[in-house]
Protein backbone atom coordinates (compact mmCIF):
# COMPACT_ATOMS: atom_id res chain seq x y z
CA MET A 1 0.00 0.00 0.00
CA LYS A 2 1.33 3.42 -0.96
CA ILE A 3 0.69 5.95 1.81
CA THR A 4 1.29 9.69 1.56
CA VAL A 5 1.41 11.93 4.63
CA THR A 6 0.93 15.67 4.25
CA GLY A 7 2.41 18.13 6.73
CA ALA A 8 5.34 15.80 7.37
CA THR A 9 7.54 18.80 8.16
CA GLY A 10 5.28 19.56 11.12
CA HIS A 11 5.06 17.82 14.47
CA LEU A 12 2.00 15.65 13.85
CA GLY A 13 2.77 14.66 10.25
CA ARG A 14 6.35 13.70 11.09
CA LEU A 15 5.13 11.52 13.93
CA VAL A 16 2.63 9.80 11.63
CA VAL A 17 5.51 8.85 9.33
CA GLU A 18 7.55 7.65 12.31
CA HIS A 19 4.68 5.44 13.48
CA LEU A 20 4.13 4.02 9.99
CA LEU A 21 7.79 3.01 9.91
CA ALA A 22 7.57 1.57 13.42
CA ARG A 23 4.58 -0.53 12.36
CA GLY A 24 6.64 -2.10 9.59
CA VAL A 25 5.39 -0.14 6.59
CA ALA A 26 8.24 -0.13 4.09
CA ALA A 27 9.92 3.26 3.79
CA SER A 28 9.65 2.98 0.01
CA ASP A 29 5.85 2.75 0.37
CA ILE A 30 5.64 6.06 2.25
CA THR A 31 5.69 9.54 0.77
CA ALA A 32 6.31 12.42 3.17
CA THR A 33 5.40 15.85 1.91
CA GLY A 34 5.55 19.40 3.21
CA ARG A 35 6.73 22.87 2.31
CA ASP A 36 10.28 22.79 3.69
CA GLU A 37 12.33 20.20 1.81
CA SER A 38 15.25 20.53 4.23
CA LYS A 39 13.03 19.27 7.05
CA LEU A 40 12.15 16.23 4.95
CA ALA A 41 15.81 15.28 4.45
CA PRO A 42 16.10 13.06 7.57
CA LEU A 43 13.18 10.98 6.31
CA ALA A 44 14.67 10.77 2.83
CA GLU A 45 17.86 9.40 4.37
CA ARG A 46 15.76 6.56 5.82
CA GLY A 47 14.38 5.66 2.41
CA VAL A 48 11.09 7.53 2.58
CA ARG A 49 10.02 9.21 -0.67
CA THR A 50 9.91 12.94 -0.02
CA VAL A 51 8.31 15.64 -2.15
CA ALA A 52 8.14 19.34 -1.36
CA SER A 53 4.56 20.58 -1.68
CA ASP A 54 2.30 23.44 -0.67
CA TYR A 55 -1.45 23.29 -0.16
CA ASP A 56 -1.69 26.45 -2.26
CA ASP A 57 0.28 24.95 -5.18
CA ALA A 58 -1.83 22.43 -7.11
CA ALA A 59 1.06 21.26 -9.29
CA SER A 60 3.15 20.42 -6.23
CA LEU A 61 0.26 18.41 -4.78
CA ASP A 62 -0.13 16.47 -8.04
CA ALA A 63 3.54 15.51 -7.86
CA ALA A 64 3.31 14.55 -4.19
CA PHE A 65 0.16 12.46 -4.50
CA ALA A 66 1.14 10.54 -7.65
CA GLY A 67 0.69 6.79 -7.04
CA THR A 68 -0.92 7.31 -3.63
CA GLU A 69 -3.50 4.79 -2.44
CA THR A 70 -4.07 6.18 1.07
CA LEU A 71 -3.61 9.86 1.90
CA VAL A 72 -3.17 11.01 5.50
CA LEU A 73 -4.42 14.58 5.18
CA VAL A 74 -2.99 16.38 8.18
CA SER A 75 -5.08 19.51 8.51
CA SER A 76 -3.45 22.80 7.59
CA SER A 77 -2.21 25.04 10.40
CA ALA A 78 -3.27 28.17 8.50
CA VAL A 79 -6.38 29.17 10.43
CA GLY A 80 -8.79 30.94 8.11
CA GLN A 81 -7.29 29.38 4.99
CA ARG A 82 -7.88 25.73 5.79
CA LEU A 83 -10.95 25.11 3.66
CA SER A 84 -9.42 26.41 0.43
CA GLN A 85 -6.19 24.53 1.12
CA HIS A 86 -7.99 21.31 1.95
CA THR A 87 -10.07 21.72 -1.18
CA ASN A 88 -6.86 21.91 -3.21
CA ALA A 89 -5.60 18.74 -1.53
CA LEU A 90 -8.84 16.86 -2.14
CA ARG A 91 -8.96 17.79 -5.82
CA ALA A 92 -5.35 16.66 -6.22
CA ALA A 93 -6.22 13.40 -4.46
CA GLU A 94 -9.10 12.87 -6.86
CA ARG A 95 -6.84 13.49 -9.86
CA ALA A 96 -4.29 11.05 -8.44
CA GLY A 97 -6.85 8.27 -7.94
CA VAL A 98 -6.44 8.12 -4.17
CA GLN A 99 -8.69 5.43 -2.67
CA HIS A 100 -8.75 6.38 1.01
CA ILE A 101 -8.23 9.64 2.92
CA VAL A 102 -7.51 9.84 6.65
CA TYR A 103 -8.29 13.38 7.81
CA THR A 104 -7.30 14.92 11.15
CA SER A 105 -10.22 17.02 12.37
CA ALA A 106 -11.41 18.67 15.59
CA PRO A 107 -13.59 17.21 18.37
CA HIS A 108 -17.30 17.09 17.52
CA ALA A 109 -16.59 19.33 14.52
CA ASP A 110 -20.09 18.95 13.11
CA THR A 111 -21.87 20.25 16.22
CA SER A 112 -19.30 22.06 18.37
CA THR A 113 -19.03 25.82 18.77
CA LEU A 114 -15.29 25.41 19.41
CA VAL A 115 -13.42 28.31 17.80
CA LEU A 116 -11.54 25.91 15.50
CA ALA A 117 -14.47 23.68 14.56
CA SER A 118 -16.09 25.53 11.65
CA GLU A 119 -13.27 25.01 9.14
CA HIS A 120 -13.05 21.35 10.08
CA LYS A 121 -16.82 20.94 9.72
CA ALA A 122 -16.68 22.48 6.25
CA THR A 123 -13.77 20.20 5.31
CA GLU A 124 -15.61 17.13 6.57
CA GLU A 125 -18.61 18.09 4.42
CA LEU A 126 -16.31 18.56 1.43
CA LEU A 127 -14.77 15.13 1.95
CA ALA A 128 -18.17 13.49 2.45
CA ALA A 129 -19.28 14.81 -0.94
CA SER A 130 -16.23 13.29 -2.62
CA SER A 131 -16.12 9.83 -4.14
CA ILE A 132 -13.03 9.01 -2.06
CA GLU A 133 -13.70 6.97 1.07
CA THR A 134 -12.69 8.99 4.10
CA THR A 135 -11.91 8.23 7.73
CA VAL A 136 -12.23 11.31 9.94
CA LEU A 137 -10.16 11.34 13.12
CA ARG A 138 -11.47 14.06 15.39
CA ASN A 139 -8.46 14.76 17.58
CA ASN A 140 -8.94 16.35 20.97
CA TRP A 141 -6.20 18.58 22.43
CA TYR A 142 -2.50 17.73 22.59
CA ASN A 143 -0.60 17.75 25.89
CA GLU A 144 2.14 19.58 24.00
CA ASN A 145 -0.12 22.60 23.56
CA TYR A 146 0.72 23.44 27.16
CA GLU A 147 4.51 23.37 27.00
CA GLN A 148 4.76 27.16 27.08
CA ALA A 149 2.28 27.30 29.95
CA PHE A 150 4.44 24.78 31.80
CA GLY A 151 7.51 26.99 31.39
CA GLN A 152 5.66 30.06 32.60
CA ALA A 153 4.21 28.19 35.57
CA VAL A 154 7.64 27.00 36.64
CA SER A 155 9.20 30.45 36.29
CA THR A 156 6.37 32.44 37.91
CA GLY A 157 4.72 29.93 40.24
CA THR A 158 1.37 30.66 38.58
CA TYR A 159 -0.70 29.01 35.87
CA LEU A 160 -3.02 31.78 34.70
CA ALA A 161 -6.00 31.04 32.47
CA SER A 162 -9.65 31.94 31.92
CA THR A 163 -10.81 28.33 31.60
CA GLY A 164 -12.68 28.32 34.91
CA THR A 165 -13.24 24.74 36.00
CA GLY A 166 -13.35 23.44 32.43
CA LYS A 167 -11.50 20.22 31.73
CA VAL A 168 -9.33 19.12 28.78
CA ALA A 169 -9.25 15.45 27.69
CA SER A 170 -5.81 15.70 26.13
CA ALA A 171 -3.26 13.10 25.08
CA ALA A 172 0.22 13.26 23.63
CA ARG A 173 0.51 14.28 19.99
CA SER A 174 2.26 10.98 19.35
CA ASP A 175 -0.85 9.06 20.48
CA TYR A 176 -2.98 10.76 17.84
CA ALA A 177 -0.27 10.28 15.21
CA GLU A 178 -0.11 6.59 16.04
CA ALA A 179 -3.86 6.28 15.59
CA ALA A 180 -3.58 7.87 12.14
CA ALA A 181 -0.81 5.43 11.25
CA VAL A 182 -2.89 2.46 12.42
CA VAL A 183 -5.93 3.55 10.42
CA ALA A 184 -3.89 4.35 7.31
CA SER A 185 -1.96 1.09 7.31
CA THR A 186 -4.74 -1.32 8.33
CA GLY A 187 -7.98 0.18 7.07
CA LEU A 188 -9.37 -0.02 10.62
CA HIS A 189 -12.47 2.18 10.93
CA ARG A 190 -12.32 2.86 7.22
CA GLY A 191 -15.03 5.28 6.16
CA LYS A 192 -15.97 6.19 9.74
CA THR A 193 -15.80 9.30 11.89
CA ILE A 194 -13.98 8.65 15.15
CA GLU A 195 -13.83 10.90 18.22
CA LEU A 196 -10.38 10.62 19.82
CA ALA A 197 -9.37 11.86 23.26
CA GLY A 198 -7.18 10.99 26.20
CA ASN A 199 -8.17 8.43 28.81
CA THR A 200 -8.35 11.18 31.44
CA SER A 201 -9.12 14.89 31.59
CA TRP A 202 -7.79 17.69 33.78
CA ASP A 203 -8.55 21.30 34.76
CA GLY A 204 -6.47 24.30 35.79
CA ASP A 205 -6.10 23.22 39.41
CA GLU A 206 -4.94 19.77 38.29
CA PHE A 207 -2.46 21.27 35.82
CA ALA A 208 -0.91 23.37 38.59
CA ALA A 209 -0.85 20.36 40.93
CA VAL A 210 0.89 18.19 38.34
CA VAL A 211 3.55 20.82 37.65
CA SER A 212 4.08 21.26 41.40
CA ARG A 213 4.37 17.54 42.01
CA VAL A 214 6.76 16.89 39.14
CA THR A 215 9.04 19.92 39.52
CA GLY A 216 8.90 20.52 43.26
CA ARG A 217 7.97 24.14 42.50
CA ASP A 218 4.94 25.53 44.31
CA VAL A 219 2.54 26.39 41.47
CA ARG A 220 -1.03 27.63 41.83
CA TYR A 221 -3.83 28.11 39.32
CA GLU A 222 -5.02 31.68 38.98
CA ALA A 223 -8.46 31.70 37.36
CA VAL A 224 -9.26 35.06 35.78
CA SER A 225 -12.21 36.36 33.81
CA THR A 226 -12.14 36.55 30.02
CA GLU A 227 -11.80 40.34 30.13
CA GLN A 228 -9.02 40.21 32.73
CA HIS A 229 -7.21 37.62 30.62
CA ARG A 230 -7.56 39.78 27.54
CA GLU A 231 -6.06 42.79 29.29
CA ILE A 232 -3.18 40.75 30.72
CA LEU A 233 -2.27 39.30 27.32
CA LEU A 234 -2.54 42.66 25.56
CA GLY A 235 -0.38 44.17 28.30
CA ALA A 236 2.22 41.47 27.61
CA GLY A 237 2.49 42.70 24.04
CA LEU A 238 0.52 40.04 22.17
CA ASP A 239 -1.35 41.25 19.10
CA GLU A 240 -5.09 41.70 19.33
CA GLN A 241 -6.01 38.93 16.89
CA LEU A 242 -3.96 36.33 18.76
CA VAL A 243 -5.35 37.51 22.08
CA GLY A 244 -8.88 37.18 20.74
CA PHE A 245 -8.20 33.61 19.67
CA LEU A 246 -6.59 32.62 22.98
CA VAL A 247 -9.30 34.01 25.23
CA THR A 248 -12.03 32.54 23.00
CA LEU A 249 -10.34 29.15 23.24
CA ASP A 250 -10.15 29.40 27.02
CA GLY A 251 -13.83 30.30 27.04
CA ASP A 252 -14.56 27.21 24.96
CA ILE A 253 -12.68 25.08 27.47
CA ALA A 254 -14.62 26.70 30.31
CA GLN A 255 -17.80 25.54 28.56
CA GLY A 256 -16.52 21.96 28.48
CA LEU A 257 -15.93 21.78 24.72
CA LEU A 258 -12.62 19.90 25.14
CA ASP A 259 -13.77 17.60 27.94
CA GLY A 260 -14.88 14.02 27.42
CA PRO A 261 -12.20 11.40 28.16
CA SER A 262 -12.51 8.23 26.12
CA ASP A 263 -11.00 4.78 25.63
CA VAL A 264 -11.41 4.85 21.84
CA LEU A 265 -7.95 6.29 21.11
CA SER A 266 -6.23 3.88 23.50
CA SER A 267 -8.08 0.93 21.99
CA ILE A 268 -6.89 1.87 18.49
CA ILE A 269 -3.24 2.28 19.49
CA GLY A 270 -3.26 -0.68 21.88
CA HIS A 271 -2.02 1.08 25.01
CA PRO A 272 -3.15 3.80 27.44
CA THR A 273 -2.87 7.37 26.21
CA THR A 274 -0.06 9.54 27.54
CA ASN A 275 -1.41 11.52 30.46
CA LEU A 276 -0.49 15.09 31.39
CA GLU A 277 1.84 14.05 34.20
CA GLN A 278 3.90 11.84 31.88
CA THR A 279 4.35 14.71 29.42
CA VAL A 280 5.17 17.23 32.16
CA THR A 281 7.73 14.77 33.52
CA GLU A 282 9.37 14.62 30.08
CA TRP A 283 9.52 18.42 29.90
CA ASN A 284 11.02 18.61 33.36
CA GLU A 285 13.69 16.05 32.47
CA GLN A 286 14.51 17.94 29.28
CA ASN A 287 14.93 21.16 31.26
CA ALA A 288 17.18 19.40 33.73
CA THR A 289 19.54 18.24 30.98
CA ALA A 290 19.41 21.43 28.88
């Protein structure tokens, strides 16, 4: 089976390729594609076919997808441009005769008011209207999204957020990447829409407690209002558009839009998901050796 992974220069796409290789998929049967060819070089050295491509460049997508049977379509990181870019990728996949698409979406994209959901919902509708069979993997949050918050908590003793008591059912990025690799290489759940999340969820108090326990640093959770959070972030020099996104996201978490722990992801990958404490422990060890 010839499998192509988009976004292989990014964190999730690269990990999908790594998991495909770990599962025994021949390097010569994998194509890794992304914008920065230099970042693809380590995979090329391992025998993976690499092709530089851009979601906005149809010709580059045609070259990347040539001969592809299964396409792992890692969603674009360009918020606001995703639908047009995903449309370009789908049309290229249709021209290439791709038989199966595995798409990385957002939790409950078809019904959620999550700030990121609308573009994923539109993409899912686009894929559903295509003749190509599609598996939609609705990934919940990544533990790694909180690495910067971890650093700030350790340095200041405070984890500040406007998430209230809202919980996040996160898992490690590698867990989600492994699920994509399993689905792409086995056909498991082919044609289905799967909600993926960590086995456990956590809130602001639990985040602070985990950081305290792992690092030995006394960290507390400071819950602020949306407006207070906005003023704090603007005062720190962040641009207004980014601040708007961040406080909206925290508000979504406060409403429980990223809660909902599940065993589905762990059942697909065959082991428990990586919990927050395991990831924080890794960060702490990395800091200790840096």
